[in-house]
């Protein structure tokens, strides 16, 4: 097994002074050789970090020592190489940005559904299943029968749901609402928002897709495709095995094996999605960057940005 442990974590909790927590936490994690990103806000902590198993044990001990975080849960996976270049501990207004003031999962949230009970819920014809992730994530995989809001950012979810709610009302429907996301954080916030609108039967997948893929045997799974993750693995499948997708470093969207076989795909420069959307100067810069990446690999070195997955740029048309 790889010696790099990758841990995704979050906790909705009230921090009186997140700024006072930032520097001590950074110093402790940095001393342990941890890399990745931690976000701190008045509503809690969120992040994905990586390190050796021993260092990660100590890192989680430090994070769980934050006020109100003793019960913090996390999800582990593994990588062949360190998936992050550096450590960042940042202050944010929200640990996951939805942009609706007053949404507080510590006070109001949907019912948690364990992965082993999720299939029964979403197979119920009286349940509407909603994928709260962004369009480029849903494109890689989702649960059977799930609705794709086709949003480019989580900020767009409330507006989409208001329209969807009106459609349900026009149809005279009051179904159960089941939501899911990658690790659980977005659907905790989205179910809190939905319940604040007066909707009662609201549920979400505890631990998110990652916990489901880790827990539910593939032969019993209702998941189809792969799950996008925000690190150098790009996607994972059942058992959290690394998936088949890679990243287009031009538009930062995931590309499949079929995409990579397309004549419009050029490693590090373009994919079928973004081909023809960049200027000649931009293409030249991308080719030069890819040349430097290739030379660094030949020297056995890591070129900055070579293994970093960032949020895809806004939608482009090929």
Protein backbone atom coordinates (compact mmCIF):
# COMPACT_ATOMS: atom_id res chain seq x y z
CA UNK A 1 0.00 0.00 0.00
CA UNK A 2 1.12 3.55 -0.69
CA UNK A 3 2.76 5.41 2.18
CA UNK A 4 0.76 8.58 1.49
CA UNK A 5 -2.51 8.92 3.36
CA UNK A 6 -5.04 11.41 1.96
CA UNK A 7 -7.68 12.62 4.40
CA UNK A 8 -10.83 14.63 3.65
CA UNK A 9 -12.45 16.23 6.68
CA UNK A 10 -14.96 18.83 7.77
CA UNK A 11 -16.93 19.91 10.80
CA UNK A 12 -19.68 22.48 11.11
CA UNK A 13 -19.04 24.15 14.45
CA UNK A 14 -19.04 27.72 15.76
CA UNK A 15 -15.58 29.29 16.00
CA UNK A 16 -15.58 32.63 17.84
CA UNK A 17 -12.20 33.64 16.41
CA UNK A 18 -11.02 31.46 13.50
CA UNK A 19 -8.15 33.87 12.81
CA UNK A 20 -6.62 33.01 16.18
CA UNK A 21 -6.64 29.33 15.23
CA UNK A 22 -4.95 29.70 11.85
CA UNK A 23 -1.28 30.29 12.70
CA UNK A 24 -0.95 27.63 15.45
CA UNK A 25 -2.64 25.04 13.26
CA UNK A 26 -0.43 25.87 10.28
CA UNK A 27 2.72 25.63 12.41
CA UNK A 28 1.73 22.24 13.81
CA UNK A 29 0.74 20.71 10.48
CA UNK A 30 3.75 22.19 8.70
CA UNK A 31 6.10 20.71 11.32
CA UNK A 32 4.56 17.30 10.57
CA UNK A 33 5.23 17.64 6.84
CA UNK A 34 1.52 17.78 6.01
CA UNK A 35 0.45 19.23 2.65
CA UNK A 36 -2.97 20.24 1.35
CA UNK A 37 -5.52 22.88 2.28
CA UNK A 38 -7.50 23.62 5.43
CA UNK A 39 -10.26 26.24 5.45
CA UNK A 40 -11.34 27.94 8.67
CA UNK A 41 -14.47 30.07 9.10
CA UNK A 42 -16.86 31.05 11.86
CA UNK A 43 -19.00 28.07 10.74
CA UNK A 44 -16.23 25.47 11.13
CA UNK A 45 -13.36 23.69 9.36
CA UNK A 46 -13.02 21.93 6.00
CA UNK A 47 -10.10 20.51 4.08
CA UNK A 48 -8.15 17.76 2.39
CA UNK A 49 -4.62 17.06 3.54
CA UNK A 50 -2.00 14.37 3.00
CA UNK A 51 1.07 12.97 4.70
CA UNK A 52 2.56 9.77 6.08
CA UNK A 53 0.18 7.67 8.20
CA UNK A 54 2.01 8.62 11.39
CA UNK A 55 2.01 12.33 10.55
CA UNK A 56 -1.68 12.21 9.66
CA UNK A 57 -2.53 10.67 13.04
CA UNK A 58 -0.83 13.61 14.73
CA UNK A 59 -2.42 16.11 12.32
CA UNK A 60 -5.92 14.82 13.04
CA UNK A 61 -5.20 15.00 16.75
CA UNK A 62 -4.33 18.69 16.31
CA UNK A 63 -7.46 19.41 14.25
CA UNK A 64 -9.75 17.57 16.65
CA UNK A 65 -8.28 19.70 19.44
CA UNK A 66 -9.86 22.79 17.86
CA UNK A 67 -12.87 24.07 19.86
CA UNK A 68 -15.87 21.79 19.38
CA UNK A 69 -14.05 19.45 16.99
CA UNK A 70 -13.52 16.41 19.22
CA UNK A 71 -16.21 14.51 17.28
CA UNK A 72 -14.85 15.49 13.85
CA UNK A 73 -14.99 12.63 11.36
CA UNK A 74 -12.86 12.09 8.27
CA UNK A 75 -12.44 9.85 5.26
CA UNK A 76 -9.11 8.30 4.30
CA UNK A 77 -7.76 7.14 0.98
CA UNK A 78 -4.26 6.59 -0.36
CA UNK A 79 -2.08 7.93 -3.15
CA UNK A 80 1.10 6.69 -4.79
CA UNK A 81 2.70 10.12 -4.45
CA UNK A 82 2.06 13.30 -2.48
CA UNK A 83 -0.96 14.88 -4.21
CA UNK A 84 -0.32 18.46 -3.01
CA UNK A 85 2.61 20.83 -3.41
CA UNK A 86 2.28 22.84 -0.21
CA UNK A 87 0.28 23.41 2.96
CA UNK A 88 -2.31 26.19 3.12
CA UNK A 89 -4.48 27.14 6.10
CA UNK A 90 -6.90 29.82 4.94
CA UNK A 91 -9.59 31.98 6.50
CA UNK A 92 -12.90 32.07 4.62
CA UNK A 93 -16.38 33.48 5.11
CA UNK A 94 -17.81 29.96 4.61
CA UNK A 95 -16.10 26.58 4.65
CA UNK A 96 -18.26 25.68 1.66
CA UNK A 97 -19.64 28.65 -0.22
CA UNK A 98 -23.38 28.71 -0.88
CA UNK A 99 -23.92 32.42 -0.26
CA UNK A 100 -27.15 32.22 1.75
CA UNK A 101 -26.69 34.08 5.07
CA UNK A 102 -28.02 32.30 8.12
CA UNK A 103 -27.77 28.76 6.76
CA UNK A 104 -26.50 26.82 9.77
CA UNK A 105 -26.19 23.01 9.69
CA UNK A 106 -25.41 23.03 13.43
CA UNK A 107 -28.99 24.16 14.08
CA UNK A 108 -31.00 22.68 11.21
CA UNK A 109 -30.01 19.84 8.90
CA UNK A 110 -31.49 16.92 6.99
CA UNK A 111 -31.62 13.40 8.39
CA UNK A 112 -28.38 11.45 8.01
CA UNK A 113 -28.63 8.21 6.04
CA UNK A 114 -25.86 5.63 6.41
CA UNK A 115 -24.34 4.28 3.17
CA UNK A 116 -25.72 0.81 3.82
CA UNK A 117 -29.27 2.26 4.03
CA UNK A 118 -28.95 4.65 1.07
CA UNK A 119 -30.05 2.19 -1.62
CA UNK A 120 -33.42 1.61 0.04
CA UNK A 121 -34.10 5.35 0.29
CA UNK A 122 -33.23 6.28 -3.28
CA UNK A 123 -35.03 3.22 -4.69
CA UNK A 124 -38.30 4.44 -3.13
CA UNK A 125 -40.43 5.91 -5.97
CA UNK A 126 -41.59 8.61 -3.53
CA UNK A 127 -38.02 9.91 -3.19
CA UNK A 128 -36.44 12.61 -5.37
CA UNK A 129 -32.67 12.19 -5.47
CA UNK A 130 -30.57 15.33 -6.09
CA UNK A 131 -26.86 15.51 -6.87
CA UNK A 132 -25.64 18.74 -5.23
CA UNK A 133 -22.27 18.76 -7.00
CA UNK A 134 -21.19 20.84 -9.99
CA UNK A 135 -21.76 19.82 -13.62
CA UNK A 136 -18.15 18.74 -14.32
CA UNK A 137 -18.28 16.41 -11.29
CA UNK A 138 -21.64 14.86 -12.20
CA UNK A 139 -20.34 14.19 -15.73
CA UNK A 140 -17.99 11.51 -14.34
CA UNK A 141 -20.63 9.58 -12.43
CA UNK A 142 -23.71 9.74 -10.22
CA UNK A 143 -26.37 7.57 -8.60
CA UNK A 144 -28.99 5.88 -10.74
CA UNK A 145 -31.97 8.18 -11.26
CA UNK A 146 -30.38 11.22 -9.63
CA UNK A 147 -31.28 14.72 -10.82
CA UNK A 148 -28.38 16.84 -12.11
CA UNK A 149 -29.01 20.56 -11.39
CA UNK A 150 -26.33 21.37 -14.04
CA UNK A 151 -24.82 24.06 -11.83
CA UNK A 152 -21.30 25.44 -12.39
CA UNK A 153 -20.86 26.35 -8.71
CA UNK A 154 -22.50 25.59 -5.38
CA UNK A 155 -23.62 29.22 -5.20
CA UNK A 156 -26.08 28.46 -7.99
CA UNK A 157 -27.79 25.65 -6.08
CA UNK A 158 -30.29 27.76 -4.06
CA UNK A 159 -31.64 29.47 -7.19
CA UNK A 160 -31.95 26.12 -8.96
CA UNK A 161 -33.75 24.57 -6.00
CA UNK A 162 -36.26 27.43 -5.76
CA UNK A 163 -37.29 26.75 -9.37
CA UNK A 164 -37.36 22.99 -8.78
CA UNK A 165 -39.49 23.48 -5.67
CA UNK A 166 -41.98 25.55 -7.69
CA UNK A 167 -42.16 22.77 -10.29
CA UNK A 168 -42.95 20.20 -7.60
CA UNK A 169 -45.64 22.48 -6.14
CA UNK A 170 -47.20 22.96 -9.57
CA UNK A 171 -47.39 19.18 -9.91
CA UNK A 172 -48.91 18.81 -6.44
CA UNK A 173 -45.97 16.67 -5.33
CA UNK A 174 -44.43 16.51 -1.85
CA UNK A 175 -41.77 13.80 -2.23
CA UNK A 176 -38.97 12.98 0.13
CA UNK A 177 -35.79 14.85 -0.86
CA UNK A 178 -32.51 12.89 -0.76
CA UNK A 179 -29.27 14.76 -1.46
CA UNK A 180 -25.67 13.69 -1.81
CA UNK A 181 -22.23 15.12 -2.58
CA UNK A 182 -18.60 13.98 -2.58
CA UNK A 183 -17.84 13.93 1.14
CA UNK A 184 -20.98 15.17 2.84
CA UNK A 185 -20.25 18.85 3.42
CA UNK A 186 -22.23 20.37 0.55
CA UNK A 187 -25.31 18.27 1.20
CA UNK A 188 -25.23 19.13 4.90
CA UNK A 189 -25.46 22.77 3.94
CA UNK A 190 -27.97 22.23 1.13
CA UNK A 191 -30.28 20.16 3.35
CA UNK A 192 -30.07 22.88 6.01
CA UNK A 193 -31.12 25.42 3.38
CA UNK A 194 -33.94 23.23 2.04
CA UNK A 195 -35.31 22.57 5.53
CA UNK A 196 -35.22 26.31 6.26
CA UNK A 197 -37.78 26.65 3.44
CA UNK A 198 -40.21 24.53 5.44
CA UNK A 199 -39.63 21.19 3.70
CA UNK A 200 -39.62 18.40 6.28
CA UNK A 201 -38.68 15.10 4.63
CA UNK A 202 -35.07 15.92 3.73
CA UNK A 203 -32.23 13.38 3.85
CA UNK A 204 -28.58 13.24 2.93
CA UNK A 205 -25.94 10.56 2.47
CA UNK A 206 -23.75 10.44 5.57
CA UNK A 207 -20.08 10.61 4.57
CA UNK A 208 -20.98 11.33 0.97
CA UNK A 209 -20.15 9.38 -2.15
CA UNK A 210 -16.67 8.54 -0.87
CA UNK A 211 -18.03 6.73 2.18
CA UNK A 212 -20.59 4.92 0.01
CA UNK A 213 -17.91 3.74 -2.44
CA UNK A 214 -15.77 2.61 0.48
CA UNK A 215 -18.59 0.83 2.32
CA UNK A 216 -21.04 -0.64 -0.19
CA UNK A 217 -19.85 -3.65 -2.24
CA UNK A 218 -19.70 -2.97 -5.96
CA UNK A 219 -22.15 -5.76 -6.72
CA UNK A 220 -24.77 -4.02 -4.52
CA UNK A 221 -23.98 -0.49 -5.63
CA UNK A 222 -26.36 1.94 -7.35
CA UNK A 223 -23.46 4.23 -8.23
CA UNK A 224 -22.58 4.54 -11.91
CA UNK A 225 -19.22 5.84 -13.17
CA UNK A 226 -16.44 7.43 -11.14
CA UNK A 227 -16.28 10.16 -8.50
CA UNK A 228 -14.32 13.37 -9.10
CA UNK A 229 -11.88 14.30 -6.32
CA UNK A 230 -9.93 17.52 -5.92
CA UNK A 231 -6.39 16.13 -5.96
CA UNK A 232 -3.98 14.47 -8.37
CA UNK A 233 -6.01 11.23 -8.46
CA UNK A 234 -8.77 13.16 -10.34
CA UNK A 235 -11.32 10.37 -9.83
CA UNK A 236 -11.94 7.26 -7.73
CA UNK A 237 -14.22 4.27 -8.07
CA UNK A 238 -15.53 1.50 -5.82
CA UNK A 239 -13.22 0.72 -2.95
CA UNK A 240 -11.74 4.22 -3.55
CA UNK A 241 -9.48 2.77 -6.22
CA UNK A 242 -7.92 5.45 -8.42
CA UNK A 243 -10.05 5.96 -11.52
CA UNK A 244 -9.31 6.31 -15.21
CA UNK A 245 -9.70 10.08 -15.56
CA UNK A 246 -6.82 12.53 -15.93
CA UNK A 247 -6.83 16.32 -15.94
CA UNK A 248 -6.65 18.72 -18.87
CA UNK A 249 -4.20 21.34 -17.61
CA UNK A 250 -5.60 23.89 -20.05
CA UNK A 251 -9.25 24.01 -18.93
CA UNK A 252 -8.77 21.94 -15.74
CA UNK A 253 -11.61 19.58 -16.56
CA UNK A 254 -11.33 15.79 -16.22
CA UNK A 255 -10.67 13.85 -19.41
CA UNK A 256 -11.50 10.21 -20.03
CA UNK A 257 -9.51 7.61 -21.98
CA UNK A 258 -11.86 8.29 -24.91
CA UNK A 259 -11.12 12.01 -24.68
CA UNK A 260 -7.38 11.32 -24.66
CA UNK A 261 -7.71 9.27 -27.85
CA UNK A 262 -9.41 12.19 -29.62
CA UNK A 263 -7.36 14.13 -32.19
CA UNK A 264 -8.24 17.34 -30.34
CA UNK A 265 -6.43 16.13 -27.24
CA UNK A 266 -2.86 17.30 -26.70
CA UNK A 267 -1.27 16.39 -23.39
CA UNK A 268 -1.08 19.46 -21.17
CA UNK A 269 -2.38 21.73 -23.94
CA UNK A 270 -5.98 20.95 -24.93
CA UNK A 271 -8.83 18.45 -24.83
CA UNK A 272 -12.01 18.00 -26.89
CA UNK A 273 -13.80 20.36 -24.49
CA UNK A 274 -11.44 23.33 -24.80
CA UNK A 275 -9.77 22.75 -28.19
CA UNK A 276 -9.92 25.87 -30.34
CA UNK A 277 -10.88 28.22 -27.50
CA UNK A 278 -7.40 29.60 -26.73
CA UNK A 279 -5.28 32.17 -28.55
CA UNK A 280 -2.08 31.15 -30.31
CA UNK A 281 -0.09 32.88 -27.57
CA UNK A 282 -1.90 30.88 -24.89
CA UNK A 283 -1.33 27.64 -26.80
CA UNK A 284 2.37 28.43 -27.13
CA UNK A 285 2.58 29.08 -23.37
CA UNK A 286 0.82 25.79 -22.61
CA UNK A 287 3.16 23.87 -24.91
CA UNK A 288 6.20 25.49 -23.26
CA UNK A 289 4.83 24.60 -19.85
CA UNK A 290 4.29 21.00 -20.93
CA UNK A 291 7.84 20.88 -22.30
CA UNK A 292 9.17 21.98 -18.89
CA UNK A 293 7.02 19.36 -17.16
CA UNK A 294 8.41 16.66 -19.47
CA UNK A 295 12.02 17.78 -18.87
CA UNK A 296 11.45 17.85 -15.11
CA UNK A 297 10.12 14.29 -15.23
CA UNK A 298 13.18 13.15 -17.18
CA UNK A 299 15.34 14.62 -14.40
CA UNK A 300 13.25 12.84 -11.79
CA UNK A 301 11.92 16.13 -10.48
CA UNK A 302 8.41 17.50 -9.91
CA UNK A 303 7.42 20.56 -11.92
CA UNK A 304 5.24 23.01 -10.00
CA UNK A 305 1.60 22.49 -10.93
CA UNK A 306 2.23 19.10 -12.52
CA UNK A 307 0.16 17.22 -9.96
CA UNK A 308 -2.23 19.83 -8.68
CA UNK A 309 -5.96 19.57 -9.37
CA UNK A 310 -7.73 22.92 -9.25
CA UNK A 311 -11.35 23.82 -9.72
CA UNK A 312 -12.07 23.76 -13.46
CA UNK A 313 -12.33 27.08 -15.21
CA UNK A 314 -15.73 28.32 -16.24
CA UNK A 315 -17.39 26.41 -19.01
CA UNK A 316 -15.91 26.83 -22.46
CA UNK A 317 -17.31 25.68 -25.78
CA UNK A 318 -15.22 23.58 -28.11
